[in-house]
Amino acid sequence: MLKLDTKIKDIFNKYYIENPKEFLDLYEIILEKGLDIVEKAIEELLKIVPTDITTDKIELICSRKPLPTKVNYEEDEIAKISAASLMQYTLLIPEYSINFEKKEVLV
């Protein structure tokens, strides 16, 4: 328990010393999500924007859900229609036709 308190104090001293009211919102997130998840979110933010760590950004990172790792394109109706449309485009310009086989997930 003492380690947990020092970690929370360190977060406060590093990022919220000038804005203690916002720290209360962060503390609610810590109670809801857990300190480990909040620390990982802060580490991720430090890699992106080390000068602007806010509770809103931490909450956003803590709340996002992981992307699916594998998409089954054979059963995806949108993917089938898109592939058919791309094939129609290749027929419009035969000398520049490209075989559209590479599949990517757009989020």
PDB file of N, CA and C in Angstrom:
ATOM      1  N   MET A   1       0.822  -1.198   0.000  1.00  0.00           N
ATOM      2  CA  MET A   1       0.000   0.000   0.000  1.00  0.00           C
ATOM      3  C   MET A   1       0.868   1.264   0.000  1.00  0.00           C
ATOM      4  N   LEU A   2       2.000   1.207   0.685  1.00  0.00           N
ATOM      5  CA  LEU A   2       2.883   2.378   0.710  1.00  0.00           C
ATOM      6  C   LEU A   2       3.459   2.658  -0.673  1.00  0.00           C
ATOM      7  N   LYS A   3       3.787   1.607  -1.445  1.00  0.00           N
ATOM      8  CA  LYS A   3       4.279   1.812  -2.801  1.00  0.00           C
ATOM      9  C   LYS A   3       3.227   2.470  -3.666  1.00  0.00           C
ATOM     10  N   LEU A   4       1.996   2.041  -3.513  1.00  0.00           N
ATOM     11  CA  LEU A   4       0.905   2.613  -4.283  1.00  0.00           C
ATOM     12  C   LEU A   4       0.769   4.098  -3.985  1.00  0.00           C
ATOM     13  N   ASP A   5       0.834   4.468  -2.735  1.00  0.00           N
ATOM     14  CA  ASP A   5       0.709   5.878  -2.369  1.00  0.00           C
ATOM     15  C   ASP A   5       1.859   6.710  -2.944  1.00  0.00           C
ATOM     16  N   THR A   6       3.069   6.174  -2.952  1.00  0.00           N
ATOM     17  CA  THR A   6       4.189   6.951  -3.478  1.00  0.00           C
ATOM     18  C   THR A   6       4.068   7.119  -4.994  1.00  0.00           C
ATOM     19  N   LYS A   7       3.545   6.113  -5.691  1.00  0.00           N
ATOM     20  CA  LYS A   7       3.360   6.244  -7.136  1.00  0.00           C
ATOM     21  C   LYS A   7       2.337   7.331  -7.450  1.00  0.00           C
ATOM     22  N   ILE A   8       1.261   7.356  -6.694  1.00  0.00           N
ATOM     23  CA  ILE A   8       0.239   8.385  -6.905  1.00  0.00           C
ATOM     24  C   ILE A   8       0.799   9.762  -6.574  1.00  0.00           C
ATOM     25  N   LYS A   9       1.567   9.853  -5.508  1.00  0.00           N
ATOM     26  CA  LYS A   9       2.192  11.130  -5.149  1.00  0.00           C
ATOM     27  C   LYS A   9       3.164  11.589  -6.235  1.00  0.00           C
ATOM     28  N   ASP A  10       3.904  10.649  -6.802  1.00  0.00           N
ATOM     29  CA  ASP A  10       4.835  10.997  -7.880  1.00  0.00           C
ATOM     30  C   ASP A  10       4.090  11.559  -9.091  1.00  0.00           C
ATOM     31  N   ILE A  11       2.964  10.933  -9.452  1.00  0.00           N
ATOM     32  CA  ILE A  11       2.160  11.439 -10.574  1.00  0.00           C
ATOM     33  C   ILE A  11       1.677  12.845 -10.270  1.00  0.00           C
ATOM     34  N   PHE A  12       1.204  13.042  -9.053  1.00  0.00           N
ATOM     35  CA  PHE A  12       0.726  14.375  -8.665  1.00  0.00           C
ATOM     36  C   PHE A  12       1.859  15.398  -8.752  1.00  0.00           C
ATOM     37  N   ASN A  13       3.013  15.066  -8.189  1.00  0.00           N
ATOM     38  CA  ASN A  13       4.133  16.011  -8.159  1.00  0.00           C
ATOM     39  C   ASN A  13       4.680  16.313  -9.552  1.00  0.00           C
ATOM     40  N   LYS A  14       4.641  15.346 -10.457  1.00  0.00           N
ATOM     41  CA  LYS A  14       5.183  15.562 -11.797  1.00  0.00           C
ATOM     42  C   LYS A  14       4.233  16.335 -12.705  1.00  0.00           C
ATOM     43  N   TYR A  15       2.924  16.031 -12.612  1.00  0.00           N
ATOM     44  CA  TYR A  15       2.004  16.540 -13.627  1.00  0.00           C
ATOM     45  C   TYR A  15       0.874  17.421 -13.101  1.00  0.00           C
ATOM     46  N   TYR A  16       0.603  17.395 -11.801  1.00  0.00           N
ATOM     47  CA  TYR A  16      -0.579  18.090 -11.295  1.00  0.00           C
ATOM     48  C   TYR A  16      -0.299  19.044 -10.134  1.00  0.00           C
ATOM     49  N   ILE A  17       0.927  19.349  -9.901  1.00  0.00           N
ATOM     50  CA  ILE A  17       1.266  20.215  -8.767  1.00  0.00           C
ATOM     51  C   ILE A  17       0.644  21.603  -8.918  1.00  0.00           C
ATOM     52  N   GLU A  18       0.489  22.063 -10.165  1.00  0.00           N
ATOM     53  CA  GLU A  18      -0.100  23.377 -10.406  1.00  0.00           C
ATOM     54  C   GLU A  18      -1.603  23.316 -10.646  1.00  0.00           C
ATOM     55  N   ASN A  19      -2.158  22.126 -10.747  1.00  0.00           N
ATOM     56  CA  ASN A  19      -3.589  21.983 -10.999  1.00  0.00           C
ATOM     57  C   ASN A  19      -4.162  20.818 -10.180  1.00  0.00           C
ATOM     58  N   PRO A  20      -4.253  20.999  -8.865  1.00  0.00           N
ATOM     59  CA  PRO A  20      -4.702  19.891  -8.008  1.00  0.00           C
ATOM     60  C   PRO A  20      -6.168  19.496  -8.232  1.00  0.00           C
ATOM     61  N   LYS A  21      -6.992  20.408  -8.716  1.00  0.00           N
ATOM     62  CA  LYS A  21      -8.396  20.062  -8.959  1.00  0.00           C
ATOM     63  C   LYS A  21      -8.521  19.016 -10.061  1.00  0.00           C
ATOM     64  N   GLU A  22      -7.698  19.140 -11.091  1.00  0.00           N
ATOM     65  CA  GLU A  22      -7.730  18.166 -12.178  1.00  0.00           C
ATOM     66  C   GLU A  22      -7.228  16.797 -11.701  1.00  0.00           C
ATOM     67  N   PHE A  23      -6.373  16.809 -10.703  1.00  0.00           N
ATOM     68  CA  PHE A  23      -5.870  15.544 -10.166  1.00  0.00           C
ATOM     69  C   PHE A  23      -6.997  14.724  -9.538  1.00  0.00           C
ATOM     70  N   LEU A  24      -7.992  15.379  -8.988  1.00  0.00           N
ATOM     71  CA  LEU A  24      -9.126  14.649  -8.412  1.00  0.00           C
ATOM     72  C   LEU A  24      -9.838  13.824  -9.480  1.00  0.00           C
ATOM     73  N   ASP A  25      -9.951  14.373 -10.683  1.00  0.00           N
ATOM     74  CA  ASP A  25     -10.542  13.614 -11.787  1.00  0.00           C
ATOM     75  C   ASP A  25      -9.664  12.416 -12.146  1.00  0.00           C
ATOM     76  N   LEU A  26      -8.366  12.636 -12.135  1.00  0.00           N
ATOM     77  CA  LEU A  26      -7.446  11.542 -12.419  1.00  0.00           C
ATOM     78  C   LEU A  26      -7.533  10.470 -11.338  1.00  0.00           C
ATOM     79  N   TYR A  27      -7.687  10.876 -10.110  1.00  0.00           N
ATOM     80  CA  TYR A  27      -7.781   9.910  -9.007  1.00  0.00           C
ATOM     81  C   TYR A  27      -9.016   9.022  -9.170  1.00  0.00           C
ATOM     82  N   GLU A  28     -10.100   9.596  -9.666  1.00  0.00           N
ATOM     83  CA  GLU A  28     -11.297   8.794  -9.951  1.00  0.00           C
ATOM     84  C   GLU A  28     -10.996   7.747 -11.021  1.00  0.00           C
ATOM     85  N   ILE A  29     -10.229   8.140 -12.030  1.00  0.00           N
ATOM     86  CA  ILE A  29      -9.850   7.194 -13.082  1.00  0.00           C
ATOM     87  C   ILE A  29      -8.969   6.094 -12.497  1.00  0.00           C
ATOM     88  N   ILE A  30      -8.063   6.469 -11.611  1.00  0.00           N
ATOM     89  CA  ILE A  30      -7.202   5.472 -10.966  1.00  0.00           C
ATOM     90  C   ILE A  30      -8.045   4.478 -10.187  1.00  0.00           C
ATOM     91  N   LEU A  31      -9.037   4.962  -9.463  1.00  0.00           N
ATOM     92  CA  LEU A  31      -9.902   4.069  -8.695  1.00  0.00           C
ATOM     93  C   LEU A  31     -10.738   3.172  -9.605  1.00  0.00           C
ATOM     94  N   GLU A  32     -11.147   3.703 -10.744  1.00  0.00           N
ATOM     95  CA  GLU A  32     -11.997   2.950 -11.670  1.00  0.00           C
ATOM     96  C   GLU A  32     -11.209   1.952 -12.515  1.00  0.00           C
ATOM     97  N   LYS A  33     -10.107   2.409 -13.104  1.00  0.00           N
ATOM     98  CA  LYS A  33      -9.356   1.587 -14.066  1.00  0.00           C
ATOM     99  C   LYS A  33      -8.168   0.867 -13.438  1.00  0.00           C
ATOM    100  N   GLY A  34      -7.594   1.461 -12.426  1.00  0.00           N
ATOM    101  CA  GLY A  34      -6.401   0.892 -11.802  1.00  0.00           C
ATOM    102  C   GLY A  34      -5.173   1.732 -12.088  1.00  0.00           C
ATOM    103  N   LEU A  35      -4.263   1.738 -11.150  1.00  0.00           N
ATOM    104  CA  LEU A  35      -3.060   2.564 -11.273  1.00  0.00           C
ATOM    105  C   LEU A  35      -2.157   2.102 -12.409  1.00  0.00           C
ATOM    106  N   ASP A  36      -2.051   0.795 -12.623  1.00  0.00           N
ATOM    107  CA  ASP A  36      -1.182   0.287 -13.687  1.00  0.00           C
ATOM    108  C   ASP A  36      -1.626   0.787 -15.058  1.00  0.00           C
ATOM    109  N   ILE A  37      -2.924   0.780 -15.311  1.00  0.00           N
ATOM    110  CA  ILE A  37      -3.448   1.236 -16.597  1.00  0.00           C
ATOM    111  C   ILE A  37      -3.187   2.728 -16.775  1.00  0.00           C
ATOM    112  N   VAL A  38      -3.362   3.499 -15.714  1.00  0.00           N
ATOM    113  CA  VAL A  38      -3.108   4.941 -15.780  1.00  0.00           C
ATOM    114  C   VAL A  38      -1.628   5.207 -16.021  1.00  0.00           C
ATOM    115  N   GLU A  39      -0.762   4.457 -15.366  1.00  0.00           N
ATOM    116  CA  GLU A  39       0.680   4.638 -15.575  1.00  0.00           C
ATOM    117  C   GLU A  39       1.074   4.299 -17.013  1.00  0.00           C
ATOM    118  N   LYS A  40       0.497   3.247 -17.572  1.00  0.00           N
ATOM    119  CA  LYS A  40       0.786   2.900 -18.967  1.00  0.00           C
ATOM    120  C   LYS A  40       0.295   3.998 -19.907  1.00  0.00           C
ATOM    121  N   ALA A  41      -0.859   4.583 -19.604  1.00  0.00           N
ATOM    122  CA  ALA A  41      -1.380   5.678 -20.427  1.00  0.00           C
ATOM    123  C   ALA A  41      -0.444   6.883 -20.364  1.00  0.00           C
ATOM    124  N   ILE A  42       0.058   7.186 -19.188  1.00  0.00           N
ATOM    125  CA  ILE A  42       0.997   8.306 -19.042  1.00  0.00           C
ATOM    126  C   ILE A  42       2.282   8.029 -19.818  1.00  0.00           C
ATOM    127  N   GLU A  43       2.782   6.790 -19.755  1.00  0.00           N
ATOM    128  CA  GLU A  43       3.983   6.426 -20.514  1.00  0.00           C
ATOM    129  C   GLU A  43       3.760   6.600 -22.011  1.00  0.00           C
ATOM    130  N   GLU A  44       2.574   6.200 -22.467  1.00  0.00           N
ATOM    131  CA  GLU A  44       2.253   6.354 -23.889  1.00  0.00           C
ATOM    132  C   GLU A  44       2.177   7.827 -24.276  1.00  0.00           C
ATOM    133  N   LEU A  45       1.581   8.635 -23.423  1.00  0.00           N
ATOM    134  CA  LEU A  45       1.503  10.076 -23.688  1.00  0.00           C
ATOM    135  C   LEU A  45       2.882  10.724 -23.693  1.00  0.00           C
ATOM    136  N   LEU A  46       3.749  10.267 -22.826  1.00  0.00           N
ATOM    137  CA  LEU A  46       5.101  10.825 -22.776  1.00  0.00           C
ATOM    138  C   LEU A  46       5.844  10.589 -24.086  1.00  0.00           C
ATOM    139  N   LYS A  47       5.546   9.486 -24.761  1.00  0.00           N
ATOM    140  CA  LYS A  47       6.175   9.211 -26.048  1.00  0.00           C
ATOM    141  C   LYS A  47       5.625  10.128 -27.143  1.00  0.00           C
ATOM    142  N   ILE A  48       4.352  10.500 -27.007  1.00  0.00           N
ATOM    143  CA  ILE A  48       3.701  11.303 -28.048  1.00  0.00           C
ATOM    144  C   ILE A  48       3.920  12.793 -27.805  1.00  0.00           C
ATOM    145  N   VAL A  49       3.467  13.269 -26.635  1.00  0.00           N
ATOM    146  CA  VAL A  49       3.556  14.695 -26.296  1.00  0.00           C
ATOM    147  C   VAL A  49       4.022  14.812 -24.845  1.00  0.00           C
ATOM    148  N   PRO A  50       5.309  14.811 -24.601  1.00  0.00           N
ATOM    149  CA  PRO A  50       5.790  14.812 -23.222  1.00  0.00           C
ATOM    150  C   PRO A  50       5.529  16.103 -22.445  1.00  0.00           C
ATOM    151  N   THR A  51       5.171  17.164 -23.141  1.00  0.00           N
ATOM    152  CA  THR A  51       4.964  18.438 -22.447  1.00  0.00           C
ATOM    153  C   THR A  51       3.507  18.719 -22.121  1.00  0.00           C
ATOM    154  N   ASP A  52       2.597  17.850 -22.560  1.00  0.00           N
ATOM    155  CA  ASP A  52       1.178  18.132 -22.365  1.00  0.00           C
ATOM    156  C   ASP A  52       0.433  16.883 -21.880  1.00  0.00           C
ATOM    157  N   ILE A  53       0.605  16.559 -20.614  1.00  0.00           N
ATOM    158  CA  ILE A  53      -0.086  15.419 -20.003  1.00  0.00           C
ATOM    159  C   ILE A  53      -1.328  15.964 -19.299  1.00  0.00           C
ATOM    160  N   THR A  54      -2.505  15.561 -19.785  1.00  0.00           N
ATOM    161  CA  THR A  54      -3.749  16.018 -19.175  1.00  0.00           C
ATOM    162  C   THR A  54      -4.603  14.823 -18.784  1.00  0.00           C
ATOM    163  N   THR A  55      -5.525  15.074 -17.880  1.00  0.00           N
ATOM    164  CA  THR A  55      -6.431  14.022 -17.429  1.00  0.00           C
ATOM    165  C   THR A  55      -7.318  13.536 -18.568  1.00  0.00           C
ATOM    166  N   ASP A  56      -7.757  14.455 -19.417  1.00  0.00           N
ATOM    167  CA  ASP A  56      -8.608  14.063 -20.540  1.00  0.00           C
ATOM    168  C   ASP A  56      -7.884  13.090 -21.466  1.00  0.00           C
ATOM    169  N   LYS A  57      -6.637  13.356 -21.750  1.00  0.00           N
ATOM    170  CA  LYS A  57      -5.858  12.478 -22.622  1.00  0.00           C
ATOM    171  C   LYS A  57      -5.622  11.122 -21.960  1.00  0.00           C
ATOM    172  N   ILE A  58      -5.335  11.143 -20.686  1.00  0.00           N
ATOM    173  CA  ILE A  58      -5.132   9.890 -19.952  1.00  0.00           C
ATOM    174  C   ILE A  58      -6.419   9.074 -19.953  1.00  0.00           C
ATOM    175  N   GLU A  59      -7.527   9.731 -19.719  1.00  0.00           N
ATOM    176  CA  GLU A  59      -8.815   9.033 -19.707  1.00  0.00           C
ATOM    177  C   GLU A  59      -9.127   8.439 -21.081  1.00  0.00           C
ATOM    178  N   LEU A  60      -8.833   9.174 -22.125  1.00  0.00           N
ATOM    179  CA  LEU A  60      -9.083   8.693 -23.480  1.00  0.00           C
ATOM    180  C   LEU A  60      -8.275   7.428 -23.767  1.00  0.00           C
ATOM    181  N   ILE A  61      -7.018   7.435 -23.409  1.00  0.00           N
ATOM    182  CA  ILE A  61      -6.174   6.269 -23.637  1.00  0.00           C
ATOM    183  C   ILE A  61      -6.634   5.092 -22.786  1.00  0.00           C
ATOM    184  N   CYS A  62      -7.012   5.352 -21.550  1.00  0.00           N
ATOM    185  CA  CYS A  62      -7.478   4.274 -20.663  1.00  0.00           C
ATOM    186  C   CYS A  62      -8.798   3.668 -21.133  1.00  0.00           C
ATOM    187  N   SER A  63      -9.612   4.443 -21.808  1.00  0.00           N
ATOM    188  CA  SER A  63     -10.948   3.991 -22.192  1.00  0.00           C
ATOM    189  C   SER A  63     -11.003   3.322 -23.559  1.00  0.00           C
ATOM    190  N   ARG A  64      -9.983   3.497 -24.364  1.00  0.00           N
ATOM    191  CA  ARG A  64     -10.069   2.928 -25.710  1.00  0.00           C
ATOM    192  C   ARG A  64      -9.943   1.407 -25.652  1.00  0.00           C
ATOM    193  N   LYS A  65     -10.577   0.810 -26.624  1.00  0.00           N
ATOM    194  CA  LYS A  65     -10.595  -0.643 -26.703  1.00  0.00           C
ATOM    195  C   LYS A  65      -9.585  -1.092 -27.753  1.00  0.00           C
ATOM    196  N   PRO A  66      -8.983  -2.250 -27.552  1.00  0.00           N
ATOM    197  CA  PRO A  66      -8.004  -2.723 -28.531  1.00  0.00           C
ATOM    198  C   PRO A  66      -8.675  -3.064 -29.857  1.00  0.00           C
ATOM    199  N   LEU A  67      -7.943  -2.847 -30.937  1.00  0.00           N
ATOM    200  CA  LEU A  67      -8.446  -3.179 -32.261  1.00  0.00           C
ATOM    201  C   LEU A  67      -8.449  -4.690 -32.449  1.00  0.00           C
ATOM    202  N   PRO A  68      -9.377  -5.197 -33.242  1.00  0.00           N
ATOM    203  CA  PRO A  68      -9.351  -6.629 -33.500  1.00  0.00           C
ATOM    204  C   PRO A  68      -8.077  -6.998 -34.250  1.00  0.00           C
ATOM    205  N   THR A  69      -7.513  -8.124 -33.901  1.00  0.00           N
ATOM    206  CA  THR A  69      -6.240  -8.501 -34.492  1.00  0.00           C
ATOM    207  C   THR A  69      -6.403  -9.157 -35.851  1.00  0.00           C
ATOM    208  N   LYS A  70      -7.513  -9.812 -36.096  1.00  0.00           N
ATOM    209  CA  LYS A  70      -7.698 -10.494 -37.368  1.00  0.00           C
ATOM    210  C   LYS A  70      -9.108 -10.236 -37.875  1.00  0.00           C
ATOM    211  N   VAL A  71      -9.195  -9.883 -39.130  1.00  0.00           N
ATOM    212  CA  VAL A  71     -10.488  -9.652 -39.757  1.00  0.00           C
ATOM    213  C   VAL A  71     -10.692 -10.723 -40.806  1.00  0.00           C
ATOM    214  N   ASN A  72     -11.834 -11.351 -40.795  1.00  0.00           N
ATOM    215  CA  ASN A  72     -12.144 -12.378 -41.773  1.00  0.00           C
ATOM    216  C   ASN A  72     -12.783 -11.711 -42.982  1.00  0.00           C
ATOM    217  N   TYR A  73     -11.985 -11.509 -44.032  1.00  0.00           N
ATOM    218  CA  TYR A  73     -12.457 -10.786 -45.201  1.00  0.00           C
ATOM    219  C   TYR A  73     -13.443 -11.597 -46.035  1.00  0.00           C
ATOM    220  N   GLU A  74     -13.358 -12.897 -45.959  1.00  0.00           N
ATOM    221  CA  GLU A  74     -14.249 -13.731 -46.749  1.00  0.00           C
ATOM    222  C   GLU A  74     -15.707 -13.553 -46.339  1.00  0.00           C
ATOM    223  N   GLU A  75     -15.957 -13.238 -45.086  1.00  0.00           N
ATOM    224  CA  GLU A  75     -17.321 -13.092 -44.594  1.00  0.00           C
ATOM    225  C   GLU A  75     -17.772 -11.634 -44.535  1.00  0.00           C
ATOM    226  N   ASP A  76     -16.876 -10.709 -44.823  1.00  0.00           N
ATOM    227  CA  ASP A  76     -17.193  -9.289 -44.727  1.00  0.00           C
ATOM    228  C   ASP A  76     -17.801  -8.796 -46.040  1.00  0.00           C
ATOM    229  N   GLU A  77     -19.073  -8.452 -46.011  1.00  0.00           N
ATOM    230  CA  GLU A  77     -19.793  -8.029 -47.213  1.00  0.00           C
ATOM    231  C   GLU A  77     -19.217  -6.734 -47.788  1.00  0.00           C
ATOM    232  N   ILE A  78     -18.837  -5.810 -46.944  1.00  0.00           N
ATOM    233  CA  ILE A  78     -18.268  -4.538 -47.413  1.00  0.00           C
ATOM    234  C   ILE A  78     -16.950  -4.790 -48.146  1.00  0.00           C
ATOM    235  N   ALA A  79     -16.132  -5.693 -47.616  1.00  0.00           N
ATOM    236  CA  ALA A  79     -14.860  -6.004 -48.272  1.00  0.00           C
ATOM    237  C   ALA A  79     -15.093  -6.631 -49.645  1.00  0.00           C
ATOM    238  N   LYS A  80     -16.091  -7.490 -49.756  1.00  0.00           N
ATOM    239  CA  LYS A  80     -16.401  -8.109 -51.050  1.00  0.00           C
ATOM    240  C   LYS A  80     -16.843  -7.058 -52.073  1.00  0.00           C
ATOM    241  N   ILE A  81     -17.719  -6.153 -51.654  1.00  0.00           N
ATOM    242  CA  ILE A  81     -18.210  -5.107 -52.558  1.00  0.00           C
ATOM    243  C   ILE A  81     -17.081  -4.163 -52.949  1.00  0.00           C
ATOM    244  N   SER A  82     -16.224  -3.829 -51.995  1.00  0.00           N
ATOM    245  CA  SER A  82     -15.087  -2.941 -52.285  1.00  0.00           C
ATOM    246  C   SER A  82     -14.135  -3.579 -53.283  1.00  0.00           C
ATOM    247  N   ALA A  83     -13.846  -4.851 -53.102  1.00  0.00           N
ATOM    248  CA  ALA A  83     -12.952  -5.545 -54.020  1.00  0.00           C
ATOM    249  C   ALA A  83     -13.552  -5.576 -55.427  1.00  0.00           C
ATOM    250  N   ALA A  84     -14.859  -5.805 -55.522  1.00  0.00           N
ATOM    251  CA  ALA A  84     -15.515  -5.814 -56.831  1.00  0.00           C
ATOM    252  C   ALA A  84     -15.447  -4.432 -57.479  1.00  0.00           C
ATOM    253  N   SER A  85     -15.635  -3.390 -56.677  1.00  0.00           N
ATOM    254  CA  SER A  85     -15.542  -2.025 -57.211  1.00  0.00           C
ATOM    255  C   SER A  85     -14.141  -1.719 -57.711  1.00  0.00           C
ATOM    256  N   LEU A  86     -13.133  -2.125 -56.978  1.00  0.00           N
ATOM    257  CA  LEU A  86     -11.752  -1.893 -57.398  1.00  0.00           C
ATOM    258  C   LEU A  86     -11.436  -2.641 -58.691  1.00  0.00           C
ATOM    259  N   MET A  87     -11.980  -3.818 -58.838  1.00  0.00           N
ATOM    260  CA  MET A  87     -11.775  -4.559 -60.078  1.00  0.00           C
ATOM    261  C   MET A  87     -12.423  -3.833 -61.257  1.00  0.00           C
ATOM    262  N   GLN A  88     -13.555  -3.193 -61.042  1.00  0.00           N
ATOM    263  CA  GLN A  88     -14.203  -2.412 -62.103  1.00  0.00           C
ATOM    264  C   GLN A  88     -13.316  -1.236 -62.513  1.00  0.00           C
ATOM    265  N   TYR A  89     -12.653  -0.607 -61.550  1.00  0.00           N
ATOM    266  CA  TYR A  89     -11.741   0.496 -61.873  1.00  0.00           C
ATOM    267  C   TYR A  89     -10.558   0.004 -62.698  1.00  0.00           C
ATOM    268  N   THR A  90     -10.060  -1.174 -62.407  1.00  0.00           N
ATOM    269  CA  THR A  90      -8.925  -1.686 -63.177  1.00  0.00           C
ATOM    270  C   THR A  90      -9.309  -1.942 -64.624  1.00  0.00           C
ATOM    271  N   LEU A  91     -10.573  -2.234 -64.877  1.00  0.00           N
ATOM    272  CA  LEU A  91     -11.023  -2.463 -66.247  1.00  0.00           C
ATOM    273  C   LEU A  91     -11.146  -1.160 -67.031  1.00  0.00           C
ATOM    274  N   LEU A  92     -11.299  -0.037 -66.345  1.00  0.00           N
ATOM    275  CA  LEU A  92     -11.426   1.248 -67.019  1.00  0.00           C
ATOM    276  C   LEU A  92     -10.112   1.679 -67.677  1.00  0.00           C
ATOM    277  N   ILE A  93      -9.001   1.360 -67.054  1.00  0.00           N
ATOM    278  CA  ILE A  93      -7.695   1.741 -67.578  1.00  0.00           C
ATOM    279  C   ILE A  93      -6.848   0.465 -67.656  1.00  0.00           C
ATOM    280  N   PRO A  94      -6.995  -0.308 -68.705  1.00  0.00           N
ATOM    281  CA  PRO A  94      -6.326  -1.608 -68.758  1.00  0.00           C
ATOM    282  C   PRO A  94      -4.800  -1.540 -68.762  1.00  0.00           C
ATOM    283  N   GLU A  95      -4.196  -0.524 -69.376  1.00  0.00           N
ATOM    284  CA  GLU A  95      -2.739  -0.487 -69.407  1.00  0.00           C
ATOM    285  C   GLU A  95      -2.135  -0.166 -68.040  1.00  0.00           C
ATOM    286  N   TYR A  96      -2.910   0.374 -67.134  1.00  0.00           N
ATOM    287  CA  TYR A  96      -2.433   0.667 -65.789  1.00  0.00           C
ATOM    288  C   TYR A  96      -3.120  -0.208 -64.750  1.00  0.00           C
ATOM    289  N   SER A  97      -3.612  -1.315 -65.156  1.00  0.00           N
ATOM    290  CA  SER A  97      -4.361  -2.151 -64.222  1.00  0.00           C
ATOM    291  C   SER A  97      -3.443  -2.684 -63.132  1.00  0.00           C
ATOM    292  N   ILE A  98      -3.959  -2.656 -61.946  1.00  0.00           N
ATOM    293  CA  ILE A  98      -3.240  -3.132 -60.768  1.00  0.00           C
ATOM    294  C   ILE A  98      -4.118  -4.190 -60.124  1.00  0.00           C
ATOM    295  N   ASN A  99      -3.513  -5.246 -59.753  1.00  0.00           N
ATOM    296  CA  ASN A  99      -4.270  -6.286 -59.077  1.00  0.00           C
ATOM    297  C   ASN A  99      -4.384  -5.924 -57.594  1.00  0.00           C
ATOM    298  N   PHE A 100      -5.556  -5.576 -57.128  1.00  0.00           N
ATOM    299  CA  PHE A 100      -5.777  -5.139 -55.760  1.00  0.00           C
ATOM    300  C   PHE A 100      -6.002  -6.356 -54.871  1.00  0.00           C
ATOM    301  N   GLU A 101      -4.914  -6.912 -54.373  1.00  0.00           N
ATOM    302  CA  GLU A 101      -5.019  -8.063 -53.497  1.00  0.00           C
ATOM    303  C   GLU A 101      -4.651  -7.728 -52.063  1.00  0.00           C
ATOM    304  N   LYS A 102      -3.901  -6.686 -51.876  1.00  0.00           N
ATOM    305  CA  LYS A 102      -3.473  -6.336 -50.527  1.00  0.00           C
ATOM    306  C   LYS A 102      -4.673  -5.825 -49.744  1.00  0.00           C
ATOM    307  N   LYS A 103      -4.843  -6.343 -48.547  1.00  0.00           N
ATOM    308  CA  LYS A 103      -6.004  -5.984 -47.728  1.00  0.00           C
ATOM    309  C   LYS A 103      -5.508  -5.306 -46.459  1.00  0.00           C
ATOM    310  N   GLU A 104      -6.150  -4.203 -46.133  1.00  0.00           N
ATOM    311  CA  GLU A 104      -5.808  -3.475 -44.923  1.00  0.00           C
ATOM    312  C   GLU A 104      -7.082  -3.085 -44.211  1.00  0.00           C
ATOM    313  N   VAL A 105      -6.976  -2.896 -42.923  1.00  0.00           N
ATOM    314  CA  VAL A 105      -8.112  -2.475 -42.119  1.00  0.00           C
ATOM    315  C   VAL A 105      -8.008  -0.988 -41.875  1.00  0.00           C
ATOM    316  N   LEU A 106      -9.052  -0.247 -42.242  1.00  0.00           N
ATOM    317  CA  LEU A 106      -9.096   1.187 -41.984  1.00  0.00           C
ATOM    318  C   LEU A 106     -10.004   1.428 -40.796  1.00  0.00           C
ATOM    319  N   VAL A 107      -9.532   2.228 -39.879  1.00  0.00           N
ATOM    320  CA  VAL A 107     -10.324   2.518 -38.682  1.00  0.00           C
ATOM    321  C   VAL A 107     -10.669   3.968 -38.673  1.00  0.00           C
TER     322      VAL A 107
END
